[in-house]
Amino acid sequence: WNHLHFQHHAKPNCFRKDPDVNMHPLFFALGKNLSVELGVQKKK
């Protein structure tokens, strides 16, 4: 818990630094900017 949660508090919602948003892009397209990035790269 400490290992994951301290990373979250240090960089909340920062992709590849906050483990709580690691579900992007395999399952969900999180956030407006990252979603556009997937569209440009045509990753479906």
PDB file of all heavy atoms in Angstrom:
ATOM      1  N   TRP A   1       0.834  -1.208   0.000  1.00  0.00           N
ATOM      2  CA  TRP A   1       0.000   0.000   0.000  1.00  0.00           C
ATOM      3  C   TRP A   1       0.863   1.251   0.000  1.00  0.00           C
ATOM      4  O   TRP A   1       0.615   2.189  -0.767  1.00  0.00           O
ATOM      5  CB  TRP A   1      -0.925  -0.005   1.217  1.00  0.00           C
ATOM      6  CG  TRP A   1      -1.865   1.173   1.225  1.00  0.00           C
ATOM      7  CD1 TRP A   1      -3.090   1.248   0.635  1.00  0.00           C
ATOM      8  CD2 TRP A   1      -1.636   2.444   1.847  1.00  0.00           C
ATOM      9  NE1 TRP A   1      -3.642   2.485   0.841  1.00  0.00           N
ATOM     10  CE2 TRP A   1      -2.771   3.237   1.584  1.00  0.00           C
ATOM     11  CE3 TRP A   1      -0.588   2.981   2.593  1.00  0.00           C
ATOM     12  CZ2 TRP A   1      -2.890   4.546   2.045  1.00  0.00           C
ATOM     13  CZ3 TRP A   1      -0.696   4.290   3.047  1.00  0.00           C
ATOM     14  CH2 TRP A   1      -1.837   5.066   2.781  1.00  0.00           C
ATOM     15  N   ASN A   2       1.886   1.267   0.846  1.00  0.00           N
ATOM     16  CA  ASN A   2       2.780   2.432   0.901  1.00  0.00           C
ATOM     17  C   ASN A   2       3.457   2.674  -0.442  1.00  0.00           C
ATOM     18  O   ASN A   2       3.548   3.814  -0.909  1.00  0.00           O
ATOM     19  CB  ASN A   2       3.843   2.234   1.989  1.00  0.00           C
ATOM     20  CG  ASN A   2       3.271   2.304   3.388  1.00  0.00           C
ATOM     21  OD1 ASN A   2       2.280   2.987   3.630  1.00  0.00           O
ATOM     22  ND2 ASN A   2       3.882   1.592   4.323  1.00  0.00           N
ATOM     23  N   HIS A   3       3.927   1.602  -1.060  1.00  0.00           N
ATOM     24  CA  HIS A   3       4.643   1.712  -2.331  1.00  0.00           C
ATOM     25  C   HIS A   3       3.769   2.356  -3.402  1.00  0.00           C
ATOM     26  O   HIS A   3       4.222   3.250  -4.139  1.00  0.00           O
ATOM     27  CB  HIS A   3       5.091   0.322  -2.784  1.00  0.00           C
ATOM     28  CG  HIS A   3       5.718   0.288  -4.141  1.00  0.00           C
ATOM     29  ND1 HIS A   3       6.981   0.795  -4.394  1.00  0.00           N
ATOM     30  CD2 HIS A   3       5.251  -0.182  -5.337  1.00  0.00           C
ATOM     31  CE1 HIS A   3       7.262   0.646  -5.678  1.00  0.00           C
ATOM     32  NE2 HIS A   3       6.232   0.051  -6.271  1.00  0.00           N
ATOM     33  N   LEU A   4       2.511   1.928  -3.504  1.00  0.00           N
ATOM     34  CA  LEU A   4       1.616   2.463  -4.525  1.00  0.00           C
ATOM     35  C   LEU A   4       1.054   3.824  -4.148  1.00  0.00           C
ATOM     36  O   LEU A   4       1.015   4.748  -4.968  1.00  0.00           O
ATOM     37  CB  LEU A   4       0.460   1.480  -4.765  1.00  0.00           C
ATOM     38  CG  LEU A   4       0.803   0.124  -5.375  1.00  0.00           C
ATOM     39  CD1 LEU A   4      -0.461  -0.702  -5.536  1.00  0.00           C
ATOM     40  CD2 LEU A   4       1.489   0.302  -6.725  1.00  0.00           C
ATOM     41  N   HIS A   5       0.640   3.956  -2.906  1.00  0.00           N
ATOM     42  CA  HIS A   5      -0.093   5.164  -2.509  1.00  0.00           C
ATOM     43  C   HIS A   5       0.808   6.391  -2.432  1.00  0.00           C
ATOM     44  O   HIS A   5       0.367   7.502  -2.736  1.00  0.00           O
ATOM     45  CB  HIS A   5      -0.786   4.936  -1.164  1.00  0.00           C
ATOM     46  CG  HIS A   5      -1.931   5.879  -0.932  1.00  0.00           C
ATOM     47  ND1 HIS A   5      -3.071   5.880  -1.719  1.00  0.00           N
ATOM     48  CD2 HIS A   5      -2.108   6.867  -0.022  1.00  0.00           C
ATOM     49  CE1 HIS A   5      -3.899   6.807  -1.288  1.00  0.00           C
ATOM     50  NE2 HIS A   5      -3.351   7.415  -0.262  1.00  0.00           N
ATOM     51  N   PHE A   6       2.052   6.210  -2.043  1.00  0.00           N
ATOM     52  CA  PHE A   6       2.963   7.360  -1.987  1.00  0.00           C
ATOM     53  C   PHE A   6       3.271   7.878  -3.386  1.00  0.00           C
ATOM     54  O   PHE A   6       3.441   9.078  -3.594  1.00  0.00           O
ATOM     55  CB  PHE A   6       4.255   6.980  -1.258  1.00  0.00           C
ATOM     56  CG  PHE A   6       4.053   6.728   0.222  1.00  0.00           C
ATOM     57  CD1 PHE A   6       5.096   6.255   1.006  1.00  0.00           C
ATOM     58  CD2 PHE A   6       2.833   6.948   0.825  1.00  0.00           C
ATOM     59  CE1 PHE A   6       4.921   6.027   2.361  1.00  0.00           C
ATOM     60  CE2 PHE A   6       2.646   6.717   2.178  1.00  0.00           C
ATOM     61  CZ  PHE A   6       3.688   6.255   2.951  1.00  0.00           C
ATOM     62  N   GLN A   7       3.341   6.970  -4.358  1.00  0.00           N
ATOM     63  CA  GLN A   7       3.516   7.408  -5.748  1.00  0.00           C
ATOM     64  C   GLN A   7       2.304   8.210  -6.209  1.00  0.00           C
ATOM     65  O   GLN A   7       2.442   9.225  -6.907  1.00  0.00           O
ATOM     66  CB  GLN A   7       3.698   6.196  -6.662  1.00  0.00           C
ATOM     67  CG  GLN A   7       4.983   5.421  -6.465  1.00  0.00           C
ATOM     68  CD  GLN A   7       5.059   4.243  -7.411  1.00  0.00           C
ATOM     69  OE1 GLN A   7       5.246   4.412  -8.613  1.00  0.00           O
ATOM     70  NE2 GLN A   7       4.903   3.042  -6.879  1.00  0.00           N
ATOM     71  N   HIS A   8       1.131   7.731  -5.822  1.00  0.00           N
ATOM     72  CA  HIS A   8      -0.092   8.432  -6.205  1.00  0.00           C
ATOM     73  C   HIS A   8      -0.113   9.849  -5.654  1.00  0.00           C
ATOM     74  O   HIS A   8      -0.457  10.800  -6.357  1.00  0.00           O
ATOM     75  CB  HIS A   8      -1.313   7.652  -5.700  1.00  0.00           C
ATOM     76  CG  HIS A   8      -2.573   8.450  -5.697  1.00  0.00           C
ATOM     77  ND1 HIS A   8      -3.206   8.845  -6.860  1.00  0.00           N
ATOM     78  CD2 HIS A   8      -3.318   8.947  -4.680  1.00  0.00           C
ATOM     79  CE1 HIS A   8      -4.289   9.553  -6.552  1.00  0.00           C
ATOM     80  NE2 HIS A   8      -4.378   9.622  -5.244  1.00  0.00           N
ATOM     81  N   HIS A   9       0.263  10.020  -4.402  1.00  0.00           N
ATOM     82  CA  HIS A   9       0.225  11.350  -3.797  1.00  0.00           C
ATOM     83  C   HIS A   9       1.317  12.262  -4.361  1.00  0.00           C
ATOM     84  O   HIS A   9       1.142  13.474  -4.413  1.00  0.00           O
ATOM     85  CB  HIS A   9       0.360  11.246  -2.275  1.00  0.00           C
ATOM     86  CG  HIS A   9      -0.958  11.139  -1.585  1.00  0.00           C
ATOM     87  ND1 HIS A   9      -1.642  12.233  -1.103  1.00  0.00           N
ATOM     88  CD2 HIS A   9      -1.738  10.057  -1.317  1.00  0.00           C
ATOM     89  CE1 HIS A   9      -2.781  11.841  -0.556  1.00  0.00           C
ATOM     90  NE2 HIS A   9      -2.856  10.522  -0.669  1.00  0.00           N
ATOM     91  N   ALA A  10       2.419  11.684  -4.770  1.00  0.00           N
ATOM     92  CA  ALA A  10       3.503  12.512  -5.327  1.00  0.00           C
ATOM     93  C   ALA A  10       3.135  13.057  -6.696  1.00  0.00           C
ATOM     94  O   ALA A  10       3.403  14.221  -7.013  1.00  0.00           O
ATOM     95  CB  ALA A  10       4.789  11.693  -5.407  1.00  0.00           C
ATOM     96  N   LYS A  11       2.510  12.218  -7.525  1.00  0.00           N
ATOM     97  CA  LYS A  11       2.174  12.618  -8.901  1.00  0.00           C
ATOM     98  C   LYS A  11       0.758  12.151  -9.257  1.00  0.00           C
ATOM     99  O   LYS A  11       0.573  11.304 -10.126  1.00  0.00           O
ATOM    100  CB  LYS A  11       3.169  12.010  -9.889  1.00  0.00           C
ATOM    101  CG  LYS A  11       4.602  12.507  -9.745  1.00  0.00           C
ATOM    102  CD  LYS A  11       4.743  13.957 -10.239  1.00  0.00           C
ATOM    103  CE  LYS A  11       6.200  14.415 -10.183  1.00  0.00           C
ATOM    104  NZ  LYS A  11       6.347  15.808 -10.703  1.00  0.00           N
ATOM    105  N   PRO A  12      -0.272  12.702  -8.626  1.00  0.00           N
ATOM    106  CA  PRO A  12      -1.632  12.238  -8.909  1.00  0.00           C
ATOM    107  C   PRO A  12      -2.039  12.520 -10.347  1.00  0.00           C
ATOM    108  O   PRO A  12      -1.791  13.599 -10.886  1.00  0.00           O
ATOM    109  CB  PRO A  12      -2.495  13.036  -7.921  1.00  0.00           C
ATOM    110  CG  PRO A  12      -1.692  14.265  -7.623  1.00  0.00           C
ATOM    111  CD  PRO A  12      -0.256  13.814  -7.659  1.00  0.00           C
ATOM    112  N   ASN A  13      -2.652  11.500 -10.967  1.00  0.00           N
ATOM    113  CA  ASN A  13      -3.168  11.585 -12.340  1.00  0.00           C
ATOM    114  C   ASN A  13      -2.090  11.818 -13.394  1.00  0.00           C
ATOM    115  O   ASN A  13      -2.394  12.239 -14.510  1.00  0.00           O
ATOM    116  CB  ASN A  13      -4.234  12.679 -12.464  1.00  0.00           C
ATOM    117  CG  ASN A  13      -5.589  12.216 -11.934  1.00  0.00           C
ATOM    118  OD1 ASN A  13      -5.694  11.167 -11.297  1.00  0.00           O
ATOM    119  ND2 ASN A  13      -6.625  12.987 -12.189  1.00  0.00           N
ATOM    120  N   CYS A  14      -0.822  11.558 -13.040  1.00  0.00           N
ATOM    121  CA  CYS A  14       0.258  11.648 -14.023  1.00  0.00           C
ATOM    122  C   CYS A  14       0.478  10.258 -14.627  1.00  0.00           C
ATOM    123  O   CYS A  14       0.904   9.329 -13.921  1.00  0.00           O
ATOM    124  CB  CYS A  14       1.547  12.154 -13.380  1.00  0.00           C
ATOM    125  SG  CYS A  14       1.484  13.905 -12.917  1.00  0.00           S
ATOM    126  N   PHE A  15       0.218  10.135 -15.898  1.00  0.00           N
ATOM    127  CA  PHE A  15       0.335   8.847 -16.586  1.00  0.00           C
ATOM    128  C   PHE A  15       1.758   8.307 -16.474  1.00  0.00           C
ATOM    129  O   PHE A  15       2.723   9.031 -16.669  1.00  0.00           O
ATOM    130  CB  PHE A  15      -0.066   9.025 -18.054  1.00  0.00           C
ATOM    131  CG  PHE A  15      -0.037   7.765 -18.854  1.00  0.00           C
ATOM    132  CD1 PHE A  15      -0.545   6.577 -18.350  1.00  0.00           C
ATOM    133  CD2 PHE A  15       0.504   7.753 -20.132  1.00  0.00           C
ATOM    134  CE1 PHE A  15      -0.534   5.410 -19.087  1.00  0.00           C
ATOM    135  CE2 PHE A  15       0.527   6.582 -20.893  1.00  0.00           C
ATOM    136  CZ  PHE A  15       0.013   5.413 -20.359  1.00  0.00           C
ATOM    137  N   ARG A  16       1.863   7.013 -16.152  1.00  0.00           N
ATOM    138  CA  ARG A  16       3.109   6.273 -15.956  1.00  0.00           C
ATOM    139  C   ARG A  16       3.836   6.644 -14.657  1.00  0.00           C
ATOM    140  O   ARG A  16       4.906   6.110 -14.397  1.00  0.00           O
ATOM    141  CB  ARG A  16       4.057   6.445 -17.149  1.00  0.00           C
ATOM    142  CG  ARG A  16       3.495   5.815 -18.431  1.00  0.00           C
ATOM    143  CD  ARG A  16       4.580   5.607 -19.474  1.00  0.00           C
ATOM    144  NE  ARG A  16       4.033   4.899 -20.630  1.00  0.00           N
ATOM    145  CZ  ARG A  16       4.115   5.325 -21.886  1.00  0.00           C
ATOM    146  NH1 ARG A  16       4.749   6.444 -22.157  1.00  0.00           N
ATOM    147  NH2 ARG A  16       3.591   4.634 -22.871  1.00  0.00           N
ATOM    148  N   LYS A  17       3.281   7.545 -13.853  1.00  0.00           N
ATOM    149  CA  LYS A  17       3.874   7.859 -12.547  1.00  0.00           C
ATOM    150  C   LYS A  17       2.871   7.617 -11.411  1.00  0.00           C
ATOM    151  O   LYS A  17       3.285   7.321 -10.294  1.00  0.00           O
ATOM    152  CB  LYS A  17       4.376   9.301 -12.528  1.00  0.00           C
ATOM    153  CG  LYS A  17       5.596   9.526 -13.418  1.00  0.00           C
ATOM    154  CD  LYS A  17       6.222  10.886 -13.200  1.00  0.00           C
ATOM    155  CE  LYS A  17       7.507  11.020 -14.039  1.00  0.00           C
ATOM    156  NZ  LYS A  17       8.159  12.342 -13.852  1.00  0.00           N
ATOM    157  N   ASP A  18       1.601   7.757 -11.705  1.00  0.00           N
ATOM    158  CA  ASP A  18       0.563   7.466 -10.726  1.00  0.00           C
ATOM    159  C   ASP A  18       0.003   6.077 -11.036  1.00  0.00           C
ATOM    160  O   ASP A  18      -0.660   5.889 -12.059  1.00  0.00           O
ATOM    161  CB  ASP A  18      -0.550   8.512 -10.811  1.00  0.00           C
ATOM    162  CG  ASP A  18      -1.683   8.237  -9.826  1.00  0.00           C
ATOM    163  OD1 ASP A  18      -1.587   7.255  -9.057  1.00  0.00           O
ATOM    164  OD2 ASP A  18      -2.662   9.008  -9.835  1.00  0.00           O
ATOM    165  N   PRO A  19       0.269   5.083 -10.178  1.00  0.00           N
ATOM    166  CA  PRO A  19      -0.209   3.718 -10.464  1.00  0.00           C
ATOM    167  C   PRO A  19      -1.728   3.601 -10.526  1.00  0.00           C
ATOM    168  O   PRO A  19      -2.245   2.645 -11.088  1.00  0.00           O
ATOM    169  CB  PRO A  19       0.371   2.890  -9.308  1.00  0.00           C
ATOM    170  CG  PRO A  19       0.688   3.873  -8.236  1.00  0.00           C
ATOM    171  CD  PRO A  19       1.034   5.156  -8.914  1.00  0.00           C
ATOM    172  N   ASP A  20      -2.447   4.563  -9.963  1.00  0.00           N
ATOM    173  CA  ASP A  20      -3.907   4.496  -9.955  1.00  0.00           C
ATOM    174  C   ASP A  20      -4.522   4.738 -11.334  1.00  0.00           C
ATOM    175  O   ASP A  20      -5.707   4.466 -11.533  1.00  0.00           O
ATOM    176  CB  ASP A  20      -4.481   5.514  -8.965  1.00  0.00           C
ATOM    177  CG  ASP A  20      -4.265   5.086  -7.520  1.00  0.00           C
ATOM    178  OD1 ASP A  20      -3.620   4.051  -7.299  1.00  0.00           O
ATOM    179  OD2 ASP A  20      -4.737   5.796  -6.615  1.00  0.00           O
ATOM    180  N   VAL A  21      -3.749   5.284 -12.274  1.00  0.00           N
ATOM    181  CA  VAL A  21      -4.289   5.505 -13.624  1.00  0.00           C
ATOM    182  C   VAL A  21      -3.601   4.597 -14.646  1.00  0.00           C
ATOM    183  O   VAL A  21      -3.613   4.882 -15.838  1.00  0.00           O
ATOM    184  CB  VAL A  21      -4.179   6.987 -14.055  1.00  0.00           C
ATOM    185  CG1 VAL A  21      -5.054   7.866 -13.173  1.00  0.00           C
ATOM    186  CG2 VAL A  21      -2.737   7.474 -14.019  1.00  0.00           C
ATOM    187  N   ASN A  22      -3.012   3.512 -14.169  1.00  0.00           N
ATOM    188  CA  ASN A  22      -2.312   2.591 -15.076  1.00  0.00           C
ATOM    189  C   ASN A  22      -3.253   1.785 -15.964  1.00  0.00           C
ATOM    190  O   ASN A  22      -2.802   1.037 -16.821  1.00  0.00           O
ATOM    191  CB  ASN A  22      -1.424   1.620 -14.276  1.00  0.00           C
ATOM    192  CG  ASN A  22      -0.080   2.240 -13.946  1.00  0.00           C
ATOM    193  OD1 ASN A  22       0.277   3.284 -14.481  1.00  0.00           O
ATOM    194  ND2 ASN A  22       0.666   1.612 -13.048  1.00  0.00           N
ATOM    195  N   MET A  23      -4.566   1.908 -15.752  1.00  0.00           N
ATOM    196  CA  MET A  23      -5.529   1.183 -16.580  1.00  0.00           C
ATOM    197  C   MET A  23      -5.583   1.743 -18.003  1.00  0.00           C
ATOM    198  O   MET A  23      -6.079   1.094 -18.919  1.00  0.00           O
ATOM    199  CB  MET A  23      -6.910   1.253 -15.937  1.00  0.00           C
ATOM    200  CG  MET A  23      -7.505   2.640 -15.860  1.00  0.00           C
ATOM    201  SD  MET A  23      -9.047   2.654 -14.927  1.00  0.00           S
ATOM    202  CE  MET A  23      -8.445   3.113 -13.302  1.00  0.00           C
ATOM    203  N   HIS A  24      -5.082   2.944 -18.207  1.00  0.00           N
ATOM    204  CA  HIS A  24      -5.008   3.543 -19.545  1.00  0.00           C
ATOM    205  C   HIS A  24      -3.744   3.050 -20.239  1.00  0.00           C
ATOM    206  O   HIS A  24      -2.684   3.021 -19.624  1.00  0.00           O
ATOM    207  CB  HIS A  24      -4.960   5.072 -19.402  1.00  0.00           C
ATOM    208  CG  HIS A  24      -4.723   5.800 -20.693  1.00  0.00           C
ATOM    209  ND1 HIS A  24      -5.757   6.269 -21.462  1.00  0.00           N
ATOM    210  CD2 HIS A  24      -3.586   6.129 -21.357  1.00  0.00           C
ATOM    211  CE1 HIS A  24      -5.259   6.860 -22.533  1.00  0.00           C
ATOM    212  NE2 HIS A  24      -3.949   6.784 -22.486  1.00  0.00           N
ATOM    213  N   PRO A  25      -3.781   2.634 -21.513  1.00  0.00           N
ATOM    214  CA  PRO A  25      -4.933   2.633 -22.427  1.00  0.00           C
ATOM    215  C   PRO A  25      -5.504   1.236 -22.686  1.00  0.00           C
ATOM    216  O   PRO A  25      -6.249   1.064 -23.641  1.00  0.00           O
ATOM    217  CB  PRO A  25      -4.304   3.173 -23.706  1.00  0.00           C
ATOM    218  CG  PRO A  25      -2.925   2.560 -23.698  1.00  0.00           C
ATOM    219  CD  PRO A  25      -2.523   2.434 -22.243  1.00  0.00           C
ATOM    220  N   LEU A  26      -5.162   0.247 -21.876  1.00  0.00           N
ATOM    221  CA  LEU A  26      -5.595  -1.116 -22.166  1.00  0.00           C
ATOM    222  C   LEU A  26      -7.103  -1.289 -22.036  1.00  0.00           C
ATOM    223  O   LEU A  26      -7.733  -1.994 -22.826  1.00  0.00           O
ATOM    224  CB  LEU A  26      -4.869  -2.099 -21.236  1.00  0.00           C
ATOM    225  CG  LEU A  26      -3.354  -2.199 -21.441  1.00  0.00           C
ATOM    226  CD1 LEU A  26      -2.749  -3.173 -20.442  1.00  0.00           C
ATOM    227  CD2 LEU A  26      -3.027  -2.626 -22.866  1.00  0.00           C
ATOM    228  N   PHE A  27      -7.693  -0.649 -21.011  1.00  0.00           N
ATOM    229  CA  PHE A  27      -9.124  -0.810 -20.782  1.00  0.00           C
ATOM    230  C   PHE A  27      -9.923   0.469 -20.995  1.00  0.00           C
ATOM    231  O   PHE A  27     -11.039   0.446 -21.487  1.00  0.00           O
ATOM    232  CB  PHE A  27      -9.376  -1.337 -19.359  1.00  0.00           C
ATOM    233  CG  PHE A  27      -8.862  -2.715 -19.143  1.00  0.00           C
ATOM    234  CD1 PHE A  27      -7.835  -2.955 -18.247  1.00  0.00           C
ATOM    235  CD2 PHE A  27      -9.402  -3.788 -19.829  1.00  0.00           C
ATOM    236  CE1 PHE A  27      -7.358  -4.246 -18.045  1.00  0.00           C
ATOM    237  CE2 PHE A  27      -8.934  -5.077 -19.638  1.00  0.00           C
ATOM    238  CZ  PHE A  27      -7.913  -5.306 -18.738  1.00  0.00           C
ATOM    239  N   PHE A  28      -9.332   1.600 -20.586  1.00  0.00           N
ATOM    240  CA  PHE A  28     -10.062   2.857 -20.644  1.00  0.00           C
ATOM    241  C   PHE A  28      -9.169   3.954 -21.217  1.00  0.00           C
ATOM    242  O   PHE A  28      -7.956   3.935 -21.026  1.00  0.00           O
ATOM    243  CB  PHE A  28     -10.548   3.269 -19.251  1.00  0.00           C
ATOM    244  CG  PHE A  28     -11.315   2.192 -18.550  1.00  0.00           C
ATOM    245  CD1 PHE A  28     -10.743   1.483 -17.501  1.00  0.00           C
ATOM    246  CD2 PHE A  28     -12.611   1.874 -18.926  1.00  0.00           C
ATOM    247  CE1 PHE A  28     -11.440   0.473 -16.856  1.00  0.00           C
ATOM    248  CE2 PHE A  28     -13.313   0.868 -18.296  1.00  0.00           C
ATOM    249  CZ  PHE A  28     -12.732   0.163 -17.254  1.00  0.00           C
ATOM    250  N   ALA A  29      -9.786   4.905 -21.898  1.00  0.00           N
ATOM    251  CA  ALA A  29      -9.073   6.085 -22.392  1.00  0.00           C
ATOM    252  C   ALA A  29      -9.317   7.208 -21.395  1.00  0.00           C
ATOM    253  O   ALA A  29     -10.384   7.815 -21.381  1.00  0.00           O
ATOM    254  CB  ALA A  29      -9.576   6.477 -23.778  1.00  0.00           C
ATOM    255  N   LEU A  30      -8.344   7.432 -20.548  1.00  0.00           N
ATOM    256  CA  LEU A  30      -8.516   8.370 -19.444  1.00  0.00           C
ATOM    257  C   LEU A  30      -8.037   9.773 -19.821  1.00  0.00           C
ATOM    258  O   LEU A  30      -6.948   9.937 -20.363  1.00  0.00           O
ATOM    259  CB  LEU A  30      -7.736   7.890 -18.219  1.00  0.00           C
ATOM    260  CG  LEU A  30      -8.099   6.499 -17.688  1.00  0.00           C
ATOM    261  CD1 LEU A  30      -7.209   6.127 -16.517  1.00  0.00           C
ATOM    262  CD2 LEU A  30      -9.558   6.441 -17.282  1.00  0.00           C
ATOM    263  N   GLY A  31      -8.835  10.761 -19.487  1.00  0.00           N
ATOM    264  CA  GLY A  31      -8.422  12.141 -19.706  1.00  0.00           C
ATOM    265  C   GLY A  31      -8.564  12.599 -21.147  1.00  0.00           C
ATOM    266  O   GLY A  31      -8.483  11.807 -22.089  1.00  0.00           O
ATOM    267  N   LYS A  32      -8.768  13.878 -21.316  1.00  0.00           N
ATOM    268  CA  LYS A  32      -8.979  14.432 -22.659  1.00  0.00           C
ATOM    269  C   LYS A  32      -7.714  14.360 -23.510  1.00  0.00           C
ATOM    270  O   LYS A  32      -7.767  14.037 -24.697  1.00  0.00           O
ATOM    271  CB  LYS A  32      -9.452  15.876 -22.534  1.00  0.00           C
ATOM    272  CG  LYS A  32     -10.812  16.013 -21.843  1.00  0.00           C
ATOM    273  CD  LYS A  32     -11.224  17.464 -21.706  1.00  0.00           C
ATOM    274  CE  LYS A  32     -12.583  17.581 -21.015  1.00  0.00           C
ATOM    275  NZ  LYS A  32     -12.994  18.995 -20.843  1.00  0.00           N
ATOM    276  N   ASN A  33      -6.563  14.656 -22.949  1.00  0.00           N
ATOM    277  CA  ASN A  33      -5.317  14.682 -23.724  1.00  0.00           C
ATOM    278  C   ASN A  33      -4.869  13.285 -24.153  1.00  0.00           C
ATOM    279  O   ASN A  33      -4.495  13.067 -25.310  1.00  0.00           O
ATOM    280  CB  ASN A  33      -4.207  15.357 -22.922  1.00  0.00           C
ATOM    281  CG  ASN A  33      -4.516  16.813 -22.633  1.00  0.00           C
ATOM    282  OD1 ASN A  33      -5.208  17.470 -23.400  1.00  0.00           O
ATOM    283  ND2 ASN A  33      -4.005  17.326 -21.528  1.00  0.00           N
ATOM    284  N   LEU A  34      -4.894  12.324 -23.226  1.00  0.00           N
ATOM    285  CA  LEU A  34      -4.460  10.970 -23.556  1.00  0.00           C
ATOM    286  C   LEU A  34      -5.416  10.313 -24.543  1.00  0.00           C
ATOM    287  O   LEU A  34      -4.997   9.508 -25.377  1.00  0.00           O
ATOM    288  CB  LEU A  34      -4.343  10.133 -22.282  1.00  0.00           C
ATOM    289  CG  LEU A  34      -3.265  10.559 -21.290  1.00  0.00           C
ATOM    290  CD1 LEU A  34      -3.301   9.671 -20.055  1.00  0.00           C
ATOM    291  CD2 LEU A  34      -1.891  10.516 -21.927  1.00  0.00           C
ATOM    292  N   SER A  35      -6.696  10.638 -24.460  1.00  0.00           N
ATOM    293  CA  SER A  35      -7.671  10.083 -25.388  1.00  0.00           C
ATOM    294  C   SER A  35      -7.391  10.558 -26.818  1.00  0.00           C
ATOM    295  O   SER A  35      -7.476   9.778 -27.777  1.00  0.00           O
ATOM    296  CB  SER A  35      -9.086  10.490 -24.974  1.00  0.00           C
ATOM    297  OG  SER A  35      -9.367  10.051 -23.663  1.00  0.00           O
ATOM    298  N   VAL A  36      -7.067  11.840 -26.962  1.00  0.00           N
ATOM    299  CA  VAL A  36      -6.726  12.386 -28.280  1.00  0.00           C
ATOM    300  C   VAL A  36      -5.473  11.709 -28.819  1.00  0.00           C
ATOM    301  O   VAL A  36      -5.378  11.383 -30.010  1.00  0.00           O
ATOM    302  CB  VAL A  36      -6.527  13.915 -28.203  1.00  0.00           C
ATOM    303  CG1 VAL A  36      -5.962  14.457 -29.515  1.00  0.00           C
ATOM    304  CG2 VAL A  36      -7.841  14.609 -27.869  1.00  0.00           C
ATOM    305  N   GLU A  37      -4.503  11.459 -27.943  1.00  0.00           N
ATOM    306  CA  GLU A  37      -3.263  10.800 -28.350  1.00  0.00           C
ATOM    307  C   GLU A  37      -3.550   9.426 -28.946  1.00  0.00           C
ATOM    308  O   GLU A  37      -2.979   9.047 -29.972  1.00  0.00           O
ATOM    309  CB  GLU A  37      -2.327  10.668 -27.157  1.00  0.00           C
ATOM    310  CG  GLU A  37      -1.021   9.958 -27.465  1.00  0.00           C
ATOM    311  CD  GLU A  37      -0.170   9.759 -26.226  1.00  0.00           C
ATOM    312  OE1 GLU A  37       0.622  10.654 -25.906  1.00  0.00           O
ATOM    313  OE2 GLU A  37      -0.305   8.708 -25.580  1.00  0.00           O
ATOM    314  N   LEU A  38      -4.437   8.669 -28.332  1.00  0.00           N
ATOM    315  CA  LEU A  38      -4.804   7.350 -28.856  1.00  0.00           C
ATOM    316  C   LEU A  38      -5.458   7.470 -30.224  1.00  0.00           C
ATOM    317  O   LEU A  38      -5.223   6.653 -31.113  1.00  0.00           O
ATOM    318  CB  LEU A  38      -5.748   6.641 -27.888  1.00  0.00           C
ATOM    319  CG  LEU A  38      -5.158   6.113 -26.582  1.00  0.00           C
ATOM    320  CD1 LEU A  38      -6.243   5.473 -25.734  1.00  0.00           C
ATOM    321  CD2 LEU A  38      -4.055   5.109 -26.857  1.00  0.00           C
ATOM    322  N   GLY A  39      -6.292   8.500 -30.381  1.00  0.00           N
ATOM    323  CA  GLY A  39      -6.948   8.694 -31.662  1.00  0.00           C
ATOM    324  C   GLY A  39      -5.962   9.008 -32.765  1.00  0.00           C
ATOM    325  O   GLY A  39      -6.059   8.470 -33.874  1.00  0.00           O
ATOM    326  N   VAL A  40      -4.982   9.854 -32.469  1.00  0.00           N
ATOM    327  CA  VAL A  40      -3.968  10.215 -33.455  1.00  0.00           C
ATOM    328  C   VAL A  40      -3.133   8.991 -33.840  1.00  0.00           C
ATOM    329  O   VAL A  40      -2.799   8.788 -35.012  1.00  0.00           O
ATOM    330  CB  VAL A  40      -3.064  11.341 -32.908  1.00  0.00           C
ATOM    331  CG1 VAL A  40      -1.900  11.588 -33.844  1.00  0.00           C
ATOM    332  CG2 VAL A  40      -3.877  12.619 -32.716  1.00  0.00           C
ATOM    333  N   GLN A  41      -2.805   8.181 -32.856  1.00  0.00           N
ATOM    334  CA  GLN A  41      -1.985   6.988 -33.108  1.00  0.00           C
ATOM    335  C   GLN A  41      -2.808   5.821 -33.655  1.00  0.00           C
ATOM    336  O   GLN A  41      -2.246   4.793 -34.025  1.00  0.00           O
ATOM    337  CB  GLN A  41      -1.299   6.554 -31.810  1.00  0.00           C
ATOM    338  CG  GLN A  41      -0.305   7.560 -31.262  1.00  0.00           C
ATOM    339  CD  GLN A  41       0.271   7.135 -29.920  1.00  0.00           C
ATOM    340  OE1 GLN A  41      -0.150   6.132 -29.344  1.00  0.00           O
ATOM    341  NE2 GLN A  41       1.223   7.892 -29.409  1.00  0.00           N
ATOM    342  N   LYS A  42      -4.130   5.997 -33.696  1.00  0.00           N
ATOM    343  CA  LYS A  42      -5.047   4.968 -34.192  1.00  0.00           C
ATOM    344  C   LYS A  42      -4.893   3.649 -33.427  1.00  0.00           C
ATOM    345  O   LYS A  42      -4.884   2.561 -34.015  1.00  0.00           O
ATOM    346  CB  LYS A  42      -4.869   4.746 -35.697  1.00  0.00           C
ATOM    347  CG  LYS A  42      -5.124   5.987 -36.543  1.00  0.00           C
ATOM    348  CD  LYS A  42      -5.085   5.681 -38.020  1.00  0.00           C
ATOM    349  CE  LYS A  42      -5.239   6.952 -38.840  1.00  0.00           C
ATOM    350  NZ  LYS A  42      -6.483   7.678 -38.527  1.00  0.00           N
ATOM    351  N   LYS A  43      -4.715   3.753 -32.105  1.00  0.00           N
ATOM    352  CA  LYS A  43      -4.629   2.571 -31.253  1.00  0.00           C
ATOM    353  C   LYS A  43      -6.035   2.241 -30.751  1.00  0.00           C
ATOM    354  O   LYS A  43      -6.630   3.016 -30.017  1.00  0.00           O
ATOM    355  CB  LYS A  43      -3.676   2.810 -30.076  1.00  0.00           C
ATOM    356  CG  LYS A  43      -2.221   2.909 -30.492  1.00  0.00           C
ATOM    357  CD  LYS A  43      -1.322   3.018 -29.270  1.00  0.00           C
ATOM    358  CE  LYS A  43       0.146   3.018 -29.669  1.00  0.00           C
ATOM    359  NZ  LYS A  43       1.050   3.126 -28.485  1.00  0.00           N
ATOM    360  N   LYS A  44      -6.532   1.092 -31.163  1.00  0.00           N
ATOM    361  CA  LYS A  44      -7.904   0.714 -30.822  1.00  0.00           C
ATOM    362  C   LYS A  44      -7.906  -0.560 -29.981  1.00  0.00           C
ATOM    363  O   LYS A  44      -8.261  -1.631 -30.462  1.00  0.00           O
ATOM    364  CB  LYS A  44      -8.721   0.527 -32.097  1.00  0.00           C
ATOM    365  CG  LYS A  44      -8.805   1.793 -32.954  1.00  0.00           C
ATOM    366  CD  LYS A  44      -9.593   1.535 -34.231  1.00  0.00           C
ATOM    367  CE  LYS A  44      -9.652   2.808 -35.084  1.00  0.00           C
ATOM    368  NZ  LYS A  44     -10.388   2.581 -36.353  1.00  0.00           N
TER     369      LYS A  44
END
